[in-house]
Amino acid sequence: MRTFNHVGIVTDTIPTGAVYNEGLSVWLTDFSKSPNKIEFLKFEPGSCMPELVQKQGHIAYTVSSLEEELKGKKVIFGPAVCDEHLTIAFIEEEGISIELMEIK
């Protein structure tokens, strides 16, 4: 079962308060500090993220089992272990990118 987590919105300028993720070549804000659960993203050239994510942004959901949720889906990125508590993957569904997050 999916539980809404946040929305990723792509910008063309570095958002106020953004931090740089060198591994993904993206500036991003902390969605947990947004009253509307918005993560603003500014991608740098050479980012490994799929074009769909870089151009349109995404909707993110928390899932209990990433492995189960990915079965039969069109995976466009990942799974990627972010840290000991978080693994993510992106799928394409209904023509948009969906981020799936397994939090331990």
PDB file of N, CA and C in Angstrom:
ATOM      1  N   MET A   1       0.839  -1.187   0.000  1.00  0.00           N
ATOM      2  CA  MET A   1       0.000   0.000   0.000  1.00  0.00           C
ATOM      3  C   MET A   1       0.882   1.248   0.000  1.00  0.00           C
ATOM      4  N   ARG A   2       0.516   2.214  -0.797  1.00  0.00           N
ATOM      5  CA  ARG A   2       1.260   3.468  -0.881  1.00  0.00           C
ATOM      6  C   ARG A   2       0.663   4.511   0.059  1.00  0.00           C
ATOM      7  N   THR A   3       1.554   5.273   0.705  1.00  0.00           N
ATOM      8  CA  THR A   3       1.144   6.396   1.536  1.00  0.00           C
ATOM      9  C   THR A   3       1.833   7.645   0.995  1.00  0.00           C
ATOM     10  N   PHE A   4       1.058   8.686   0.713  1.00  0.00           N
ATOM     11  CA  PHE A   4       1.637   9.920   0.181  1.00  0.00           C
ATOM     12  C   PHE A   4       2.751  10.408   1.088  1.00  0.00           C
ATOM     13  N   ASN A   5       3.876  10.846   0.473  1.00  0.00           N
ATOM     14  CA  ASN A   5       5.000  11.382   1.230  1.00  0.00           C
ATOM     15  C   ASN A   5       5.293  12.826   0.845  1.00  0.00           C
ATOM     16  N   HIS A   6       5.501  13.103  -0.458  1.00  0.00           N
ATOM     17  CA  HIS A   6       5.775  14.473  -0.890  1.00  0.00           C
ATOM     18  C   HIS A   6       5.624  14.610  -2.402  1.00  0.00           C
ATOM     19  N   VAL A   7       5.748  15.846  -2.874  1.00  0.00           N
ATOM     20  CA  VAL A   7       5.738  16.159  -4.300  1.00  0.00           C
ATOM     21  C   VAL A   7       7.066  16.832  -4.625  1.00  0.00           C
ATOM     22  N   GLY A   8       7.704  16.395  -5.710  1.00  0.00           N
ATOM     23  CA  GLY A   8       8.939  17.021  -6.166  1.00  0.00           C
ATOM     24  C   GLY A   8       8.648  17.944  -7.334  1.00  0.00           C
ATOM     25  N   ILE A   9       9.020  19.217  -7.197  1.00  0.00           N
ATOM     26  CA  ILE A   9       8.778  20.210  -8.236  1.00  0.00           C
ATOM     27  C   ILE A   9      10.120  20.726  -8.740  1.00  0.00           C
ATOM     28  N   VAL A  10      10.308  20.651 -10.044  1.00  0.00           N
ATOM     29  CA  VAL A  10      11.554  21.074 -10.675  1.00  0.00           C
ATOM     30  C   VAL A  10      11.543  22.578 -10.903  1.00  0.00           C
ATOM     31  N   THR A  11      12.673  23.224 -10.570  1.00  0.00           N
ATOM     32  CA  THR A  11      12.832  24.657 -10.798  1.00  0.00           C
ATOM     33  C   THR A  11      14.069  24.882 -11.674  1.00  0.00           C
ATOM     34  N   ASP A  12      14.190  26.097 -12.201  1.00  0.00           N
ATOM     35  CA  ASP A  12      15.372  26.398 -13.015  1.00  0.00           C
ATOM     36  C   ASP A  12      16.377  27.275 -12.266  1.00  0.00           C
ATOM     37  N   THR A  13      16.102  27.551 -10.997  1.00  0.00           N
ATOM     38  CA  THR A  13      17.045  28.273 -10.144  1.00  0.00           C
ATOM     39  C   THR A  13      17.232  27.486  -8.852  1.00  0.00           C
ATOM     40  N   ILE A  14      18.347  27.718  -8.179  1.00  0.00           N
ATOM     41  CA  ILE A  14      18.600  27.015  -6.916  1.00  0.00           C
ATOM     42  C   ILE A  14      17.631  27.551  -5.872  1.00  0.00           C
ATOM     43  N   PRO A  15      16.803  26.679  -5.320  1.00  0.00           N
ATOM     44  CA  PRO A  15      15.805  27.117  -4.338  1.00  0.00           C
ATOM     45  C   PRO A  15      16.447  27.601  -3.037  1.00  0.00           C
ATOM     46  N   THR A  16      15.825  28.566  -2.393  1.00  0.00           N
ATOM     47  CA  THR A  16      16.279  29.040  -1.097  1.00  0.00           C
ATOM     48  C   THR A  16      16.306  27.874  -0.108  1.00  0.00           C
ATOM     49  N   GLY A  17      17.409  27.735   0.593  1.00  0.00           N
ATOM     50  CA  GLY A  17      17.534  26.679   1.603  1.00  0.00           C
ATOM     51  C   GLY A  17      17.893  25.323   1.045  1.00  0.00           C
ATOM     52  N   ALA A  18      18.141  25.229  -0.252  1.00  0.00           N
ATOM     53  CA  ALA A  18      18.454  23.931  -0.869  1.00  0.00           C
ATOM     54  C   ALA A  18      19.859  23.476  -0.497  1.00  0.00           C
ATOM     55  N   VAL A  19      20.030  22.169  -0.462  1.00  0.00           N
ATOM     56  CA  VAL A  19      21.349  21.560  -0.269  1.00  0.00           C
ATOM     57  C   VAL A  19      21.687  20.788  -1.539  1.00  0.00           C
ATOM     58  N   TYR A  20      22.984  20.631  -1.777  1.00  0.00           N
ATOM     59  CA  TYR A  20      23.424  19.970  -2.998  1.00  0.00           C
ATOM     60  C   TYR A  20      23.713  18.504  -2.730  1.00  0.00           C
ATOM     61  N   ASN A  21      23.113  17.636  -3.539  1.00  0.00           N
ATOM     62  CA  ASN A  21      23.402  16.203  -3.487  1.00  0.00           C
ATOM     63  C   ASN A  21      24.344  15.910  -4.643  1.00  0.00           C
ATOM     64  N   GLU A  22      25.618  15.737  -4.311  1.00  0.00           N
ATOM     65  CA  GLU A  22      26.642  15.554  -5.335  1.00  0.00           C
ATOM     66  C   GLU A  22      26.433  14.279  -6.141  1.00  0.00           C
ATOM     67  N   GLY A  23      26.010  13.200  -5.494  1.00  0.00           N
ATOM     68  CA  GLY A  23      25.807  11.930  -6.178  1.00  0.00           C
ATOM     69  C   GLY A  23      24.752  11.992  -7.271  1.00  0.00           C
ATOM     70  N   LEU A  24      23.728  12.808  -7.062  1.00  0.00           N
ATOM     71  CA  LEU A  24      22.639  12.938  -8.037  1.00  0.00           C
ATOM     72  C   LEU A  24      22.721  14.231  -8.849  1.00  0.00           C
ATOM     73  N   SER A  25      23.696  15.095  -8.522  1.00  0.00           N
ATOM     74  CA  SER A  25      23.850  16.398  -9.189  1.00  0.00           C
ATOM     75  C   SER A  25      22.548  17.190  -9.173  1.00  0.00           C
ATOM     76  N   VAL A  26      22.029  17.382  -7.976  1.00  0.00           N
ATOM     77  CA  VAL A  26      20.764  18.103  -7.826  1.00  0.00           C
ATOM     78  C   VAL A  26      20.781  18.920  -6.532  1.00  0.00           C
ATOM     79  N   TRP A  27      20.216  20.118  -6.616  1.00  0.00           N
ATOM     80  CA  TRP A  27      19.934  20.941  -5.443  1.00  0.00           C
ATOM     81  C   TRP A  27      18.521  20.586  -5.008  1.00  0.00           C
ATOM     82  N   LEU A  28      18.307  20.375  -3.714  1.00  0.00           N
ATOM     83  CA  LEU A  28      16.960  20.033  -3.258  1.00  0.00           C
ATOM     84  C   LEU A  28      16.668  20.599  -1.888  1.00  0.00           C
ATOM     85  N   THR A  29      15.397  20.863  -1.666  1.00  0.00           N
ATOM     86  CA  THR A  29      14.951  21.368  -0.369  1.00  0.00           C
ATOM     87  C   THR A  29      14.407  20.208   0.465  1.00  0.00           C
ATOM     88  N   ASP A  30      14.260  20.467   1.747  1.00  0.00           N
ATOM     89  CA  ASP A  30      13.761  19.463   2.689  1.00  0.00           C
ATOM     90  C   ASP A  30      12.234  19.530   2.730  1.00  0.00           C
ATOM     91  N   PHE A  31      11.592  18.538   2.096  1.00  0.00           N
ATOM     92  CA  PHE A  31      10.122  18.538   2.026  1.00  0.00           C
ATOM     93  C   PHE A  31       9.469  18.448   3.401  1.00  0.00           C
ATOM     94  N   SER A  32      10.187  17.915   4.394  1.00  0.00           N
ATOM     95  CA  SER A  32       9.587  17.793   5.731  1.00  0.00           C
ATOM     96  C   SER A  32       9.410  19.161   6.392  1.00  0.00           C
ATOM     97  N   LYS A  33      10.071  20.179   5.856  1.00  0.00           N
ATOM     98  CA  LYS A  33       9.928  21.538   6.385  1.00  0.00           C
ATOM     99  C   LYS A  33       8.893  22.349   5.627  1.00  0.00           C
ATOM    100  N   SER A  34       8.289  21.738   4.621  1.00  0.00           N
ATOM    101  CA  SER A  34       7.275  22.417   3.814  1.00  0.00           C
ATOM    102  C   SER A  34       5.880  22.055   4.328  1.00  0.00           C
ATOM    103  N   PRO A  35       5.018  23.038   4.579  1.00  0.00           N
ATOM    104  CA  PRO A  35       3.671  22.718   5.045  1.00  0.00           C
ATOM    105  C   PRO A  35       2.865  21.918   4.014  1.00  0.00           C
ATOM    106  N   ASN A  36       3.285  21.993   2.747  1.00  0.00           N
ATOM    107  CA  ASN A  36       2.585  21.270   1.684  1.00  0.00           C
ATOM    108  C   ASN A  36       3.362  20.071   1.171  1.00  0.00           C
ATOM    109  N   LYS A  37       4.418  19.694   1.899  1.00  0.00           N
ATOM    110  CA  LYS A  37       5.237  18.523   1.539  1.00  0.00           C
ATOM    111  C   LYS A  37       5.805  18.645   0.126  1.00  0.00           C
ATOM    112  N   ILE A  38       6.372  19.837  -0.179  1.00  0.00           N
ATOM    113  CA  ILE A  38       6.971  20.082  -1.486  1.00  0.00           C
ATOM    114  C   ILE A  38       8.487  20.011  -1.367  1.00  0.00           C
ATOM    115  N   GLU A  39       9.096  19.271  -2.276  1.00  0.00           N
ATOM    116  CA  GLU A  39      10.544  19.215  -2.423  1.00  0.00           C
ATOM    117  C   GLU A  39      10.868  19.931  -3.736  1.00  0.00           C
ATOM    118  N   PHE A  40      11.579  21.050  -3.651  1.00  0.00           N
ATOM    119  CA  PHE A  40      11.985  21.758  -4.856  1.00  0.00           C
ATOM    120  C   PHE A  40      13.339  21.222  -5.302  1.00  0.00           C
ATOM    121  N   LEU A  41      13.492  20.990  -6.619  1.00  0.00           N
ATOM    122  CA  LEU A  41      14.711  20.407  -7.166  1.00  0.00           C
ATOM    123  C   LEU A  41      15.240  21.245  -8.322  1.00  0.00           C
ATOM    124  N   LYS A  42      16.554  21.444  -8.330  1.00  0.00           N
ATOM    125  CA  LYS A  42      17.221  22.122  -9.453  1.00  0.00           C
ATOM    126  C   LYS A  42      18.350  21.186  -9.895  1.00  0.00           C
ATOM    127  N   PHE A  43      18.165  20.559 -11.045  1.00  0.00           N
ATOM    128  CA  PHE A  43      19.139  19.595 -11.550  1.00  0.00           C
ATOM    129  C   PHE A  43      20.277  20.295 -12.273  1.00  0.00           C
ATOM    130  N   GLU A  44      21.483  19.782 -12.071  1.00  0.00           N
ATOM    131  CA  GLU A  44      22.663  20.274 -12.770  1.00  0.00           C
ATOM    132  C   GLU A  44      22.921  19.382 -13.988  1.00  0.00           C
ATOM    133  N   PRO A  45      23.612  19.915 -14.999  1.00  0.00           N
ATOM    134  CA  PRO A  45      23.954  19.079 -16.161  1.00  0.00           C
ATOM    135  C   PRO A  45      24.715  17.830 -15.717  1.00  0.00           C
ATOM    136  N   GLY A  46      24.401  16.718 -16.347  1.00  0.00           N
ATOM    137  CA  GLY A  46      25.084  15.471 -16.030  1.00  0.00           C
ATOM    138  C   GLY A  46      24.444  14.665 -14.918  1.00  0.00           C
ATOM    139  N   SER A  47      23.291  15.117 -14.413  1.00  0.00           N
ATOM    140  CA  SER A  47      22.611  14.352 -13.372  1.00  0.00           C
ATOM    141  C   SER A  47      22.249  12.965 -13.909  1.00  0.00           C
ATOM    142  N   CYS A  48      22.386  11.959 -13.043  1.00  0.00           N
ATOM    143  CA  CYS A  48      22.052  10.585 -13.432  1.00  0.00           C
ATOM    144  C   CYS A  48      20.555  10.300 -13.350  1.00  0.00           C
ATOM    145  N   MET A  49      19.788  11.257 -12.867  1.00  0.00           N
ATOM    146  CA  MET A  49      18.351  11.037 -12.730  1.00  0.00           C
ATOM    147  C   MET A  49      17.698  10.994 -14.111  1.00  0.00           C
ATOM    148  N   PRO A  50      16.645  10.179 -14.257  1.00  0.00           N
ATOM    149  CA  PRO A  50      15.962  10.074 -15.545  1.00  0.00           C
ATOM    150  C   PRO A  50      15.414  11.430 -16.007  1.00  0.00           C
ATOM    151  N   GLU A  51      15.372  11.602 -17.325  1.00  0.00           N
ATOM    152  CA  GLU A  51      14.883  12.849 -17.906  1.00  0.00           C
ATOM    153  C   GLU A  51      13.467  13.165 -17.432  1.00  0.00           C
ATOM    154  N   LEU A  52      12.643  12.143 -17.297  1.00  0.00           N
ATOM    155  CA  LEU A  52      11.261  12.351 -16.853  1.00  0.00           C
ATOM    156  C   LEU A  52      11.230  13.028 -15.478  1.00  0.00           C
ATOM    157  N   VAL A  53      12.107  12.615 -14.573  1.00  0.00           N
ATOM    158  CA  VAL A  53      12.177  13.220 -13.238  1.00  0.00           C
ATOM    159  C   VAL A  53      12.710  14.648 -13.346  1.00  0.00           C
ATOM    160  N   GLN A  54      13.738  14.838 -14.171  1.00  0.00           N
ATOM    161  CA  GLN A  54      14.366  16.156 -14.307  1.00  0.00           C
ATOM    162  C   GLN A  54      13.454  17.181 -14.974  1.00  0.00           C
ATOM    163  N   LYS A  55      12.569  16.728 -15.825  1.00  0.00           N
ATOM    164  CA  LYS A  55      11.712  17.663 -16.573  1.00  0.00           C
ATOM    165  C   LYS A  55      10.350  17.894 -15.918  1.00  0.00           C
ATOM    166  N   GLN A  56       9.791  16.843 -15.296  1.00  0.00           N
ATOM    167  CA  GLN A  56       8.418  16.949 -14.799  1.00  0.00           C
ATOM    168  C   GLN A  56       8.279  16.887 -13.288  1.00  0.00           C
ATOM    169  N   GLY A  57       9.327  16.494 -12.586  1.00  0.00           N
ATOM    170  CA  GLY A  57       9.170  16.319 -11.153  1.00  0.00           C
ATOM    171  C   GLY A  57       8.542  14.966 -10.844  1.00  0.00           C
ATOM    172  N   HIS A  58       7.984  14.822  -9.639  1.00  0.00           N
ATOM    173  CA  HIS A  58       7.466  13.513  -9.243  1.00  0.00           C
ATOM    174  C   HIS A  58       6.504  13.619  -8.066  1.00  0.00           C
ATOM    175  N   ILE A  59       5.793  12.528  -7.852  1.00  0.00           N
ATOM    176  CA  ILE A  59       5.000  12.325  -6.642  1.00  0.00           C
ATOM    177  C   ILE A  59       5.688  11.197  -5.895  1.00  0.00           C
ATOM    178  N   ALA A  60       5.845  11.333  -4.579  1.00  0.00           N
ATOM    179  CA  ALA A  60       6.538  10.313  -3.789  1.00  0.00           C
ATOM    180  C   ALA A  60       5.592   9.657  -2.783  1.00  0.00           C
ATOM    181  N   TYR A  61       5.763   8.349  -2.679  1.00  0.00           N
ATOM    182  CA  TYR A  61       4.977   7.560  -1.741  1.00  0.00           C
ATOM    183  C   TYR A  61       5.905   6.696  -0.892  1.00  0.00           C
ATOM    184  N   THR A  62       5.531   6.483   0.348  1.00  0.00           N
ATOM    185  CA  THR A  62       6.199   5.528   1.215  1.00  0.00           C
ATOM    186  C   THR A  62       5.524   4.175   1.005  1.00  0.00           C
ATOM    187  N   VAL A  63       6.344   3.121   0.909  1.00  0.00           N
ATOM    188  CA  VAL A  63       5.812   1.764   0.751  1.00  0.00           C
ATOM    189  C   VAL A  63       6.456   0.858   1.792  1.00  0.00           C
ATOM    190  N   SER A  64       5.771  -0.195   2.161  1.00  0.00           N
ATOM    191  CA  SER A  64       6.320  -1.109   3.164  1.00  0.00           C
ATOM    192  C   SER A  64       7.352  -2.053   2.568  1.00  0.00           C
ATOM    193  N   SER A  65       7.207  -2.399   1.286  1.00  0.00           N
ATOM    194  CA  SER A  65       8.159  -3.284   0.620  1.00  0.00           C
ATOM    195  C   SER A  65       8.427  -2.787  -0.787  1.00  0.00           C
ATOM    196  N   LEU A  66       9.596  -2.209  -0.978  1.00  0.00           N
ATOM    197  CA  LEU A  66       9.968  -1.712  -2.297  1.00  0.00           C
ATOM    198  C   LEU A  66      10.033  -2.855  -3.298  1.00  0.00           C
ATOM    199  N   GLU A  67      10.579  -3.970  -2.888  1.00  0.00           N
ATOM    200  CA  GLU A  67      10.685  -5.140  -3.770  1.00  0.00           C
ATOM    201  C   GLU A  67       9.319  -5.563  -4.292  1.00  0.00           C
ATOM    202  N   GLU A  68       8.347  -5.643  -3.416  1.00  0.00           N
ATOM    203  CA  GLU A  68       6.990  -6.030  -3.820  1.00  0.00           C
ATOM    204  C   GLU A  68       6.345  -4.974  -4.710  1.00  0.00           C
ATOM    205  N   GLU A  69       6.524  -3.708  -4.357  1.00  0.00           N
ATOM    206  CA  GLU A  69       5.889  -2.618  -5.100  1.00  0.00           C
ATOM    207  C   GLU A  69       6.450  -2.484  -6.517  1.00  0.00           C
ATOM    208  N   LEU A  70       7.701  -2.898  -6.725  1.00  0.00           N
ATOM    209  CA  LEU A  70       8.335  -2.760  -8.041  1.00  0.00           C
ATOM    210  C   LEU A  70       7.971  -3.879  -9.011  1.00  0.00           C
ATOM    211  N   LYS A  71       7.396  -4.954  -8.515  1.00  0.00           N
ATOM    212  CA  LYS A  71       7.048  -6.073  -9.386  1.00  0.00           C
ATOM    213  C   LYS A  71       6.086  -5.633 -10.482  1.00  0.00           C
ATOM    214  N   GLY A  72       6.488  -5.897 -11.724  1.00  0.00           N
ATOM    215  CA  GLY A  72       5.638  -5.574 -12.868  1.00  0.00           C
ATOM    216  C   GLY A  72       5.585  -4.109 -13.237  1.00  0.00           C
ATOM    217  N   LYS A  73       6.374  -3.278 -12.579  1.00  0.00           N
ATOM    218  CA  LYS A  73       6.360  -1.835 -12.844  1.00  0.00           C
ATOM    219  C   LYS A  73       7.478  -1.453 -13.802  1.00  0.00           C
ATOM    220  N   LYS A  74       7.348  -0.319 -14.456  1.00  0.00           N
ATOM    221  CA  LYS A  74       8.381   0.213 -15.335  1.00  0.00           C
ATOM    222  C   LYS A  74       9.348   1.036 -14.479  1.00  0.00           C
ATOM    223  N   VAL A  75      10.434   0.402 -14.044  1.00  0.00           N
ATOM    224  CA  VAL A  75      11.424   1.052 -13.180  1.00  0.00           C
ATOM    225  C   VAL A  75      12.322   1.926 -14.057  1.00  0.00           C
ATOM    226  N   ILE A  76      12.446   3.209 -13.688  1.00  0.00           N
ATOM    227  CA  ILE A  76      13.294   4.121 -14.457  1.00  0.00           C
ATOM    228  C   ILE A  76      14.534   4.559 -13.683  1.00  0.00           C
ATOM    229  N   PHE A  77      14.589   4.258 -12.380  1.00  0.00           N
ATOM    230  CA  PHE A  77      15.774   4.560 -11.571  1.00  0.00           C
ATOM    231  C   PHE A  77      15.746   3.720 -10.305  1.00  0.00           C
ATOM    232  N   GLY A  78      16.903   3.134  -9.989  1.00  0.00           N
ATOM    233  CA  GLY A  78      17.043   2.409  -8.727  1.00  0.00           C
ATOM    234  C   GLY A  78      16.678   0.953  -8.859  1.00  0.00           C
ATOM    235  N   PRO A  79      16.506   0.328  -7.716  1.00  0.00           N
ATOM    236  CA  PRO A  79      16.523   0.872  -6.362  1.00  0.00           C
ATOM    237  C   PRO A  79      17.913   1.396  -5.971  1.00  0.00           C
ATOM    238  N   ALA A  80      17.899   2.428  -5.154  1.00  0.00           N
ATOM    239  CA  ALA A  80      19.119   3.060  -4.679  1.00  0.00           C
ATOM    240  C   ALA A  80      19.042   3.202  -3.160  1.00  0.00           C
ATOM    241  N   VAL A  81      20.072   2.723  -2.490  1.00  0.00           N
ATOM    242  CA  VAL A  81      20.148   2.845  -1.033  1.00  0.00           C
ATOM    243  C   VAL A  81      20.683   4.236  -0.720  1.00  0.00           C
ATOM    244  N   CYS A  82      19.894   5.030  -0.034  1.00  0.00           N
ATOM    245  CA  CYS A  82      20.310   6.386   0.330  1.00  0.00           C
ATOM    246  C   CYS A  82      21.082   6.398   1.641  1.00  0.00           C
ATOM    247  N   ASP A  83      20.622   5.626   2.589  1.00  0.00           N
ATOM    248  CA  ASP A  83      21.303   5.431   3.867  1.00  0.00           C
ATOM    249  C   ASP A  83      20.725   4.176   4.503  1.00  0.00           C
ATOM    250  N   GLU A  84      21.119   3.881   5.736  1.00  0.00           N
ATOM    251  CA  GLU A  84      20.660   2.650   6.369  1.00  0.00           C
ATOM    252  C   GLU A  84      19.161   2.607   6.642  1.00  0.00           C
ATOM    253  N   HIS A  85      18.494   3.757   6.487  1.00  0.00           N
ATOM    254  CA  HIS A  85      17.055   3.827   6.761  1.00  0.00           C
ATOM    255  C   HIS A  85      16.190   4.015   5.516  1.00  0.00           C
ATOM    256  N   LEU A  86      16.799   4.360   4.385  1.00  0.00           N
ATOM    257  CA  LEU A  86      16.009   4.735   3.216  1.00  0.00           C
ATOM    258  C   LEU A  86      16.546   4.122   1.929  1.00  0.00           C
ATOM    259  N   THR A  87      15.649   3.466   1.194  1.00  0.00           N
ATOM    260  CA  THR A  87      15.928   2.974  -0.156  1.00  0.00           C
ATOM    261  C   THR A  87      14.823   3.524  -1.048  1.00  0.00           C
ATOM    262  N   ILE A  88      15.221   4.026  -2.231  1.00  0.00           N
ATOM    263  CA  ILE A  88      14.245   4.629  -3.145  1.00  0.00           C
ATOM    264  C   ILE A  88      14.334   4.007  -4.533  1.00  0.00           C
ATOM    265  N   ALA A  89      13.289   4.177  -5.284  1.00  0.00           N
ATOM    266  CA  ALA A  89      13.273   3.834  -6.705  1.00  0.00           C
ATOM    267  C   ALA A  89      12.243   4.744  -7.359  1.00  0.00           C
ATOM    268  N   PHE A  90      12.415   4.961  -8.667  1.00  0.00           N
ATOM    269  CA  PHE A  90      11.446   5.726  -9.434  1.00  0.00           C
ATOM    270  C   PHE A  90      10.851   4.811 -10.486  1.00  0.00           C
ATOM    271  N   ILE A  91       9.551   4.921 -10.664  1.00  0.00           N
ATOM    272  CA  ILE A  91       8.859   4.198 -11.716  1.00  0.00           C
ATOM    273  C   ILE A  91       8.130   5.209 -12.589  1.00  0.00           C
ATOM    274  N   GLU A  92       7.779   4.774 -13.788  1.00  0.00           N
ATOM    275  CA  GLU A  92       6.923   5.596 -14.640  1.00  0.00           C
ATOM    276  C   GLU A  92       5.543   4.978 -14.605  1.00  0.00           C
ATOM    277  N   GLU A  93       4.552   5.807 -14.312  1.00  0.00           N
ATOM    278  CA  GLU A  93       3.175   5.341 -14.216  1.00  0.00           C
ATOM    279  C   GLU A  93       2.274   6.471 -14.697  1.00  0.00           C
ATOM    280  N   GLU A  94       1.358   6.186 -15.579  1.00  0.00           N
ATOM    281  CA  GLU A  94       0.440   7.181 -16.136  1.00  0.00           C
ATOM    282  C   GLU A  94       1.192   8.341 -16.784  1.00  0.00           C
ATOM    283  N   GLY A  95       2.402   8.055 -17.300  1.00  0.00           N
ATOM    284  CA  GLY A  95       3.184   9.064 -17.992  1.00  0.00           C
ATOM    285  C   GLY A  95       3.964  10.020 -17.102  1.00  0.00           C
ATOM    286  N   ILE A  96       3.952   9.776 -15.792  1.00  0.00           N
ATOM    287  CA  ILE A  96       4.717  10.629 -14.871  1.00  0.00           C
ATOM    288  C   ILE A  96       5.645   9.765 -14.021  1.00  0.00           C
ATOM    289  N   SER A  97       6.584  10.423 -13.353  1.00  0.00           N
ATOM    290  CA  SER A  97       7.501   9.684 -12.478  1.00  0.00           C
ATOM    291  C   SER A  97       6.934   9.635 -11.056  1.00  0.00           C
ATOM    292  N   ILE A  98       7.069   8.466 -10.485  1.00  0.00           N
ATOM    293  CA  ILE A  98       6.616   8.210  -9.125  1.00  0.00           C
ATOM    294  C   ILE A  98       7.826   7.722  -8.338  1.00  0.00           C
ATOM    295  N   GLU A  99       8.092   8.372  -7.211  1.00  0.00           N
ATOM    296  CA  GLU A  99       9.161   7.927  -6.328  1.00  0.00           C
ATOM    297  C   GLU A  99       8.559   7.011  -5.272  1.00  0.00           C
ATOM    298  N   LEU A 100       9.157   5.852  -5.092  1.00  0.00           N
ATOM    299  CA  LEU A 100       8.736   4.919  -4.051  1.00  0.00           C
ATOM    300  C   LEU A 100       9.841   4.867  -3.006  1.00  0.00           C
ATOM    301  N   MET A 101       9.468   5.029  -1.746  1.00  0.00           N
ATOM    302  CA  MET A 101      10.427   5.118  -0.653  1.00  0.00           C
ATOM    303  C   MET A 101      10.143   4.046   0.388  1.00  0.00           C
ATOM    304  N   GLU A 102      11.138   3.211   0.652  1.00  0.00           N
ATOM    305  CA  GLU A 102      11.026   2.234   1.733  1.00  0.00           C
ATOM    306  C   GLU A 102      11.847   2.757   2.901  1.00  0.00           C
ATOM    307  N   ILE A 103      11.179   3.051   3.999  1.00  0.00           N
ATOM    308  CA  ILE A 103      11.832   3.597   5.195  1.00  0.00           C
ATOM    309  C   ILE A 103      11.845   2.527   6.267  1.00  0.00           C
ATOM    310  N   LYS A 104      13.044   2.253   6.781  1.00  0.00           N
ATOM    311  CA  LYS A 104      13.180   1.219   7.823  1.00  0.00           C
ATOM    312  C   LYS A 104      13.290   1.832   9.186  1.00  0.00           C
TER     313      LYS A 104
END
